[in-house]
Amino acid sequence: MTVTGLPFDDFRALLRDLPGPETAALVAARDRDKQLTKPPGALGRLEEIAMWLAAWTGRPPAVNRPLVAIFAGNHGVTKHGITPFPPSVTQQMVENFAAGGAAINQICATYDLGLKIFDLALEYPTGDITCEAALSERDCAATMAFGMEAIAGGTDLLCIGEMGIGNTTIAAAINLALYGGTAEEWVGPGTGSHGELLERKINAVKTAVEFHRAHLDDPLEVLRRLGGREIAAMAGAILAARVQRIPVLIDGYVATSAAAILKAANPSALDHCLIGHVSGEPGHLKAIEKLGKTPLLALGMRLGEGSGAALAAGIVKAAAACHSGMATFDSAGVSNQTDG
């Protein structure tokens, strides 16, 4: 990575020296899994998830304090008429979250998940990425630091989500900058951009990436130039979770673009993360494949607001419960395959 100045220095240092998994806890979990009353591998990915929890929490698999963190931001690029909804809807949806009226509220209640909402200066949209940087380096670094505080109250499973009119345009620009291809491959309808709206959205992504092209070899520059406050905050939260060895579930297309910045900076940066679901946004599966991940769910959702990650948290909780609650062959008096 190219050093560009003081504000990003601490994040570059963190990204260079990321903690790894706890091997002892993983070995212990694998040993217990062999003794549970089931054929080896019979629970499929649930067994993998349990091992993932053990490795990144350093203890037997458990989910006691799950948290959904939603970051909301507004974007200057919406002035180009790329979405059918005005930026004021971002604030209205934040108020809906606070009132308990959104889909994410119902999912959190169903699976007993904590919920925090972070309003990121909604009255001050980021710069128009087609002709200027979304954020200064200082503002981007400060927003990442703010995102890191999302886990300050303590959690053992972090679900990352967002809200922001126009932010699928931002996600498409980030993916185009990181992975190449064409804008058409990465741009989808988002909240309902079709026809002329979709064409303007595609053109905005093309223009933005071309305008900033000389600076896009550095992932953190991609973030500050093409990203947004919710993207920067999500990247900070994911990074903070890694430092504290907290497992993370990533939500949809926009949240995945924030994760992609970290992966581009350090190939191991997302080892503590799983993708909660693949959304209905056309570029999301391709973005997930670029990260080398396999989503837990594929329900055709494209709502954002952490909804897919929150649903996946139910699966993670079940995986932990199966591992910790199932009887062993010895305790249940069940013959295993080696008993003869």
Protein backbone atom coordinates (compact mmCIF):
# COMPACT_ATOMS: atom_id res chain seq x y z
CA MET A 1 0.00 0.00 0.00
CA THR A 2 1.13 3.52 -0.77
CA VAL A 3 1.48 5.75 2.27
CA THR A 4 -0.52 8.93 1.67
CA GLY A 5 -0.36 10.74 4.99
CA LEU A 6 -0.92 10.70 8.70
CA PRO A 7 -4.71 10.09 8.98
CA PHE A 8 -4.53 6.58 7.48
CA ASP A 9 -1.27 5.54 9.17
CA ASP A 10 -2.87 3.79 12.14
CA PHE A 11 -5.17 1.80 9.89
CA ARG A 12 -2.29 0.75 7.67
CA ALA A 13 -0.45 -0.48 10.75
CA LEU A 14 -3.49 -2.45 11.95
CA LEU A 15 -3.95 -4.01 8.53
CA ARG A 16 -0.32 -5.09 8.40
CA ASP A 17 -0.44 -6.90 11.76
CA LEU A 18 -3.79 -8.66 12.12
CA PRO A 19 -4.28 -11.27 14.84
CA GLY A 20 -5.01 -14.81 13.76
CA PRO A 21 -7.40 -17.45 15.11
CA GLU A 22 -7.01 -19.21 18.45
CA THR A 23 -5.67 -22.63 17.53
CA ALA A 24 -6.19 -24.28 20.94
CA ALA A 25 -9.90 -23.46 20.99
CA LEU A 26 -10.29 -24.76 17.44
CA VAL A 27 -8.57 -28.05 18.29
CA ALA A 28 -10.77 -28.50 21.37
CA ALA A 29 -13.92 -27.84 19.34
CA ARG A 30 -12.87 -30.34 16.69
CA ASP A 31 -12.22 -32.96 19.36
CA ARG A 32 -15.68 -32.44 20.85
CA ASP A 33 -17.33 -32.51 17.43
CA LYS A 34 -15.95 -36.04 16.88
CA GLN A 35 -17.75 -37.22 20.02
CA LEU A 36 -21.19 -35.78 19.30
CA THR A 37 -24.09 -38.12 18.55
CA LYS A 38 -24.06 -37.78 14.77
CA PRO A 39 -22.11 -39.14 11.83
CA PRO A 40 -19.02 -37.05 11.02
CA GLY A 41 -19.99 -34.11 8.84
CA ALA A 42 -23.72 -34.78 9.15
CA LEU A 43 -24.46 -31.16 10.08
CA GLY A 44 -22.58 -29.83 7.07
CA ARG A 45 -21.79 -26.13 7.27
CA LEU A 46 -23.18 -25.92 10.78
CA GLU A 47 -20.09 -27.82 11.91
CA GLU A 48 -17.83 -25.44 9.98
CA ILE A 49 -19.58 -22.46 11.56
CA ALA A 50 -19.09 -23.88 15.04
CA MET A 51 -15.37 -24.32 14.35
CA TRP A 52 -15.21 -20.76 13.01
CA LEU A 53 -16.78 -19.43 16.19
CA ALA A 54 -14.33 -21.35 18.37
CA ALA A 55 -11.33 -20.17 16.36
CA TRP A 56 -12.25 -16.50 16.50
CA THR A 57 -13.64 -16.25 20.02
CA GLY A 58 -11.03 -18.49 21.63
CA ARG A 59 -13.63 -20.48 23.57
CA PRO A 60 -16.24 -23.22 23.00
CA PRO A 61 -18.71 -22.12 20.30
CA ALA A 62 -21.38 -19.82 21.74
CA VAL A 63 -23.31 -16.69 20.79
CA ASN A 64 -24.35 -14.79 23.89
CA ARG A 65 -24.30 -11.12 22.84
CA PRO A 66 -25.04 -10.86 19.10
CA LEU A 67 -25.26 -7.35 17.67
CA VAL A 68 -26.58 -5.90 14.43
CA ALA A 69 -24.89 -2.58 13.66
CA ILE A 70 -26.47 -0.42 10.93
CA PHE A 71 -24.59 2.58 9.57
CA ALA A 72 -26.50 5.24 7.63
CA GLY A 73 -24.99 7.79 5.23
CA ASN A 74 -25.96 10.04 2.34
CA HIS A 75 -24.18 10.54 -0.98
CA GLY A 76 -23.58 13.55 -3.20
CA VAL A 77 -23.76 11.42 -6.34
CA THR A 78 -27.55 11.20 -5.96
CA LYS A 79 -27.81 14.68 -7.47
CA HIS A 80 -27.43 12.95 -10.87
CA GLY A 81 -30.87 11.36 -10.63
CA ILE A 82 -29.67 7.78 -10.19
CA THR A 83 -32.42 6.59 -7.81
CA PRO A 84 -36.18 7.04 -7.52
CA PHE A 85 -35.93 7.95 -3.83
CA PRO A 86 -34.58 11.24 -2.45
CA PRO A 87 -31.78 11.28 0.16
CA SER A 88 -34.32 12.34 2.80
CA VAL A 89 -35.51 8.72 2.85
CA THR A 90 -32.27 7.73 4.59
CA GLN A 91 -33.21 9.83 7.63
CA GLN A 92 -36.80 8.63 7.50
CA MET A 93 -35.65 5.01 7.55
CA VAL A 94 -33.30 5.67 10.46
CA GLU A 95 -36.32 6.99 12.34
CA ASN A 96 -38.26 3.89 11.31
CA PHE A 97 -35.49 1.69 12.73
CA ALA A 98 -35.60 3.63 15.98
CA ALA A 99 -39.38 3.22 16.15
CA GLY A 100 -39.17 -0.54 15.59
CA GLY A 101 -41.03 -0.48 12.28
CA ALA A 102 -38.49 -1.91 9.84
CA ALA A 103 -37.85 -5.48 8.73
CA ILE A 104 -34.58 -5.56 10.66
CA ASN A 105 -36.44 -4.84 13.91
CA GLN A 106 -38.64 -7.89 13.40
CA ILE A 107 -35.69 -10.15 12.55
CA CYS A 108 -33.72 -8.95 15.57
CA ALA A 109 -36.71 -9.59 17.83
CA THR A 110 -37.18 -13.07 16.38
CA TYR A 111 -33.56 -14.13 16.90
CA ASP A 112 -32.88 -12.11 20.07
CA LEU A 113 -30.25 -9.88 18.48
CA GLY A 114 -29.10 -6.51 19.77
CA LEU A 115 -29.49 -3.55 17.39
CA LYS A 116 -27.56 -0.29 17.12
CA ILE A 117 -28.19 2.44 14.53
CA PHE A 118 -25.51 4.98 13.62
CA ASP A 119 -26.54 8.20 11.86
CA LEU A 120 -23.45 9.48 10.02
CA ALA A 121 -24.04 13.20 9.40
CA LEU A 122 -26.99 12.60 7.09
CA GLU A 123 -27.50 16.33 6.61
CA TYR A 124 -24.05 16.53 4.98
CA PRO A 125 -23.86 14.21 1.95
CA THR A 126 -20.42 13.12 0.79
CA GLY A 127 -18.79 14.70 -2.22
CA ASP A 128 -20.07 13.91 -5.69
CA ILE A 129 -17.73 11.07 -6.71
CA THR A 130 -18.08 11.87 -10.42
CA CYS A 131 -16.01 15.05 -9.96
CA GLU A 132 -14.49 15.04 -6.45
CA ALA A 133 -13.50 12.73 -3.63
CA ALA A 134 -16.31 11.49 -1.41
CA LEU A 135 -14.26 12.28 1.70
CA SER A 136 -10.97 13.83 2.69
CA GLU A 137 -8.43 11.43 4.10
CA ARG A 138 -8.91 12.93 7.55
CA ASP A 139 -12.69 12.62 7.43
CA CYS A 140 -12.51 9.07 6.07
CA ALA A 141 -10.09 8.00 8.82
CA ALA A 142 -12.26 9.65 11.48
CA THR A 143 -15.32 7.83 10.17
CA MET A 144 -13.49 4.51 10.20
CA ALA A 145 -12.51 5.22 13.81
CA PHE A 146 -16.14 5.98 14.61
CA GLY A 147 -17.14 2.65 13.10
CA MET A 148 -14.62 0.89 15.32
CA GLU A 149 -16.56 2.14 18.34
CA ALA A 150 -19.61 0.12 17.28
CA ILE A 151 -18.35 -2.84 19.31
CA ALA A 152 -17.44 -0.78 22.38
CA GLY A 153 -20.34 -2.17 24.42
CA GLY A 154 -19.22 -5.73 23.83
CA THR A 155 -20.45 -8.43 21.45
CA ASP A 156 -19.45 -11.94 20.42
CA LEU A 157 -21.07 -11.86 16.95
CA LEU A 158 -21.22 -8.68 14.88
CA CYS A 159 -23.68 -8.35 11.99
CA ILE A 160 -22.82 -5.45 9.67
CA GLY A 161 -25.51 -3.56 7.75
CA GLU A 162 -26.27 -0.16 6.24
CA MET A 163 -28.81 2.33 5.01
CA GLY A 164 -28.16 5.02 2.41
CA ILE A 165 -30.01 6.16 -0.67
CA GLY A 166 -27.59 5.86 -3.59
CA ASN A 167 -25.15 3.50 -1.93
CA THR A 168 -25.47 0.63 -4.40
CA THR A 169 -23.97 3.11 -6.88
CA ILE A 170 -21.10 3.56 -4.45
CA ALA A 171 -20.70 -0.20 -4.04
CA ALA A 172 -20.61 -0.67 -7.82
CA ALA A 173 -17.93 2.02 -8.17
CA ILE A 174 -15.79 0.39 -5.49
CA ASN A 175 -16.07 -3.03 -7.11
CA LEU A 176 -15.27 -1.64 -10.54
CA ALA A 177 -12.21 0.13 -9.11
CA LEU A 178 -10.97 -2.94 -7.25
CA TYR A 179 -11.76 -5.68 -9.76
CA GLY A 180 -12.13 -4.09 -13.16
CA GLY A 181 -14.63 -5.21 -15.78
CA THR A 182 -17.39 -2.90 -16.92
CA ALA A 183 -19.77 -0.66 -15.01
CA GLU A 184 -22.67 -2.63 -16.47
CA GLU A 185 -21.41 -5.78 -14.71
CA TRP A 186 -21.46 -4.12 -11.29
CA VAL A 187 -24.45 -1.75 -11.46
CA GLY A 188 -27.91 -3.05 -10.58
CA PRO A 189 -31.33 -1.56 -9.85
CA GLY A 190 -30.77 -0.97 -6.14
CA THR A 191 -33.96 0.58 -4.74
CA GLY A 192 -35.62 0.55 -8.15
CA SER A 193 -33.42 2.28 -10.73
CA HIS A 194 -34.60 1.19 -14.17
CA GLY A 195 -34.59 2.71 -17.65
CA GLU A 196 -33.09 6.20 -17.69
CA LEU A 197 -32.34 6.02 -13.97
CA LEU A 198 -30.26 2.90 -14.49
CA GLU A 199 -28.43 4.47 -17.43
CA ARG A 200 -27.58 7.52 -15.35
CA LYS A 201 -26.39 5.22 -12.57
CA ILE A 202 -24.10 3.32 -14.94
CA ASN A 203 -22.74 6.56 -16.38
CA ALA A 204 -22.08 7.94 -12.89
CA VAL A 205 -20.05 4.85 -11.97
CA LYS A 206 -18.06 5.01 -15.21
CA THR A 207 -17.36 8.70 -14.79
CA ALA A 208 -16.35 8.37 -11.14
CA VAL A 209 -13.90 5.54 -11.65
CA GLU A 210 -12.34 7.26 -14.64
CA PHE A 211 -12.05 10.57 -12.77
CA HIS A 212 -10.19 8.95 -9.84
CA ARG A 213 -8.30 6.30 -11.84
CA ALA A 214 -4.80 7.62 -11.11
CA HIS A 215 -5.33 7.05 -7.35
CA LEU A 216 -7.08 3.68 -7.29
CA ASP A 217 -4.06 1.45 -6.71
CA ASP A 218 -4.42 2.05 -2.95
CA PRO A 219 -7.50 0.45 -1.31
CA LEU A 220 -7.84 3.18 1.30
CA GLU A 221 -7.80 5.78 -1.46
CA VAL A 222 -10.54 3.81 -3.20
CA LEU A 223 -12.51 4.00 0.03
CA ARG A 224 -12.17 7.74 0.58
CA ARG A 225 -12.57 8.76 -3.05
CA LEU A 226 -15.42 6.45 -4.11
CA GLY A 227 -16.92 5.37 -0.80
CA GLY A 228 -19.17 6.97 1.76
CA ARG A 229 -19.45 7.43 5.47
CA GLU A 230 -21.40 4.21 6.02
CA ILE A 231 -18.84 2.30 3.91
CA ALA A 232 -15.92 3.72 5.91
CA ALA A 233 -17.67 3.04 9.22
CA MET A 234 -18.44 -0.57 8.24
CA ALA A 235 -14.81 -1.09 7.23
CA GLY A 236 -13.75 0.28 10.61
CA ALA A 237 -16.18 -1.96 12.49
CA ILE A 238 -15.02 -5.08 10.64
CA LEU A 239 -11.39 -4.16 11.34
CA ALA A 240 -12.06 -3.51 15.03
CA ALA A 241 -13.81 -6.87 15.30
CA ARG A 242 -10.75 -8.56 13.83
CA VAL A 243 -8.44 -6.86 16.34
CA GLN A 244 -10.67 -8.12 19.17
CA ARG A 245 -11.26 -11.53 17.56
CA ILE A 246 -15.01 -11.06 17.18
CA PRO A 247 -16.68 -13.09 14.38
CA VAL A 248 -18.50 -10.98 11.79
CA LEU A 249 -21.45 -11.62 9.48
CA ILE A 250 -21.47 -9.32 6.45
CA ASP A 251 -24.79 -8.34 4.88
CA GLY A 252 -25.47 -7.41 1.26
CA TYR A 253 -23.84 -5.73 -1.73
CA VAL A 254 -22.97 -2.47 0.02
CA ALA A 255 -21.59 -4.10 3.17
CA THR A 256 -19.58 -6.48 0.99
CA SER A 257 -17.97 -3.53 -0.79
CA ALA A 258 -16.75 -2.21 2.57
CA ALA A 259 -15.27 -5.61 3.36
CA ALA A 260 -13.63 -5.71 -0.07
CA ILE A 261 -11.55 -2.64 0.80
CA LEU A 262 -10.00 -4.50 3.74
CA LYS A 263 -9.43 -7.65 1.68
CA ALA A 264 -7.64 -5.60 -0.98
CA ALA A 265 -5.39 -4.12 1.71
CA ASN A 266 -4.60 -7.48 3.33
CA PRO A 267 -5.69 -10.81 1.78
CA SER A 268 -6.31 -12.31 5.25
CA ALA A 269 -8.34 -9.37 6.56
CA LEU A 270 -11.71 -11.17 6.28
CA ASP A 271 -10.75 -14.53 7.77
CA HIS A 272 -13.00 -13.75 10.76
CA CYS A 273 -15.97 -12.97 8.49
CA LEU A 274 -18.74 -14.92 6.82
CA ILE A 275 -21.14 -13.59 4.20
CA GLY A 276 -24.67 -13.75 5.58
CA HIS A 277 -26.49 -13.96 2.26
CA VAL A 278 -26.26 -13.30 -1.44
CA SER A 279 -28.66 -10.53 -2.33
CA GLY A 280 -30.79 -10.00 -5.41
CA GLU A 281 -28.45 -7.19 -6.55
CA PRO A 282 -26.83 -8.58 -9.73
CA GLY A 283 -23.22 -7.79 -8.81
CA HIS A 284 -23.31 -9.24 -5.31
CA LEU A 285 -22.55 -12.89 -6.12
CA LYS A 286 -19.62 -11.82 -8.28
CA ALA A 287 -18.33 -9.62 -5.46
CA ILE A 288 -18.65 -12.49 -2.98
CA GLU A 289 -16.71 -14.77 -5.30
CA LYS A 290 -13.94 -12.18 -5.50
CA LEU A 291 -13.69 -12.41 -1.72
CA GLY A 292 -13.43 -16.21 -1.88
CA LYS A 293 -16.52 -16.66 0.28
CA THR A 294 -19.72 -18.74 0.14
CA PRO A 295 -22.88 -17.07 1.44
CA LEU A 296 -24.96 -18.80 4.10
CA LEU A 297 -28.32 -17.85 2.57
CA ALA A 298 -29.74 -17.12 -0.87
CA LEU A 299 -33.26 -15.73 -0.43
CA GLY A 300 -33.35 -13.14 -3.20
CA MET A 301 -33.37 -10.31 -0.65
CA ARG A 302 -32.00 -6.86 -1.52
CA LEU A 303 -33.22 -4.77 1.38
CA GLY A 304 -29.96 -3.92 3.09
CA GLU A 305 -30.27 -2.71 6.71
CA GLY A 306 -28.40 -5.83 7.91
CA SER A 307 -31.40 -8.06 7.21
CA GLY A 308 -29.55 -10.92 5.53
CA ALA A 309 -26.75 -10.93 8.09
CA ALA A 310 -29.32 -10.93 10.91
CA LEU A 311 -31.14 -13.90 9.42
CA ALA A 312 -27.83 -15.71 9.10
CA ALA A 313 -27.16 -15.00 12.78
CA GLY A 314 -29.99 -17.40 13.56
CA ILE A 315 -28.07 -20.12 11.73
CA VAL A 316 -24.87 -19.26 13.58
CA LYS A 317 -26.70 -19.42 16.91
CA ALA A 318 -28.11 -22.82 15.96
CA ALA A 319 -24.65 -24.07 15.01
CA ALA A 320 -23.28 -23.05 18.41
CA ALA A 321 -26.25 -24.60 20.22
CA CYS A 322 -25.88 -27.92 18.40
CA HIS A 323 -22.18 -28.07 19.23
CA SER A 324 -22.61 -27.21 22.91
CA GLY A 325 -25.95 -28.90 23.61
CA MET A 326 -25.74 -32.21 21.83
CA ALA A 327 -24.86 -35.25 23.87
CA THR A 328 -21.68 -37.17 23.25
CA PHE A 329 -21.71 -40.87 22.43
CA ASP A 330 -20.49 -41.65 25.94
CA SER A 331 -22.93 -39.41 27.81
CA ALA A 332 -25.92 -40.65 25.79
CA GLY A 333 -24.91 -44.30 25.87
CA VAL A 334 -24.93 -44.43 22.08
CA SER A 335 -22.51 -46.68 20.22
CA ASN A 336 -20.31 -44.84 17.76
CA GLN A 337 -18.81 -46.20 14.59
CA THR A 338 -15.60 -47.29 16.34
CA ASP A 339 -17.31 -49.32 19.07
CA GLY A 340 -17.43 -52.44 16.95
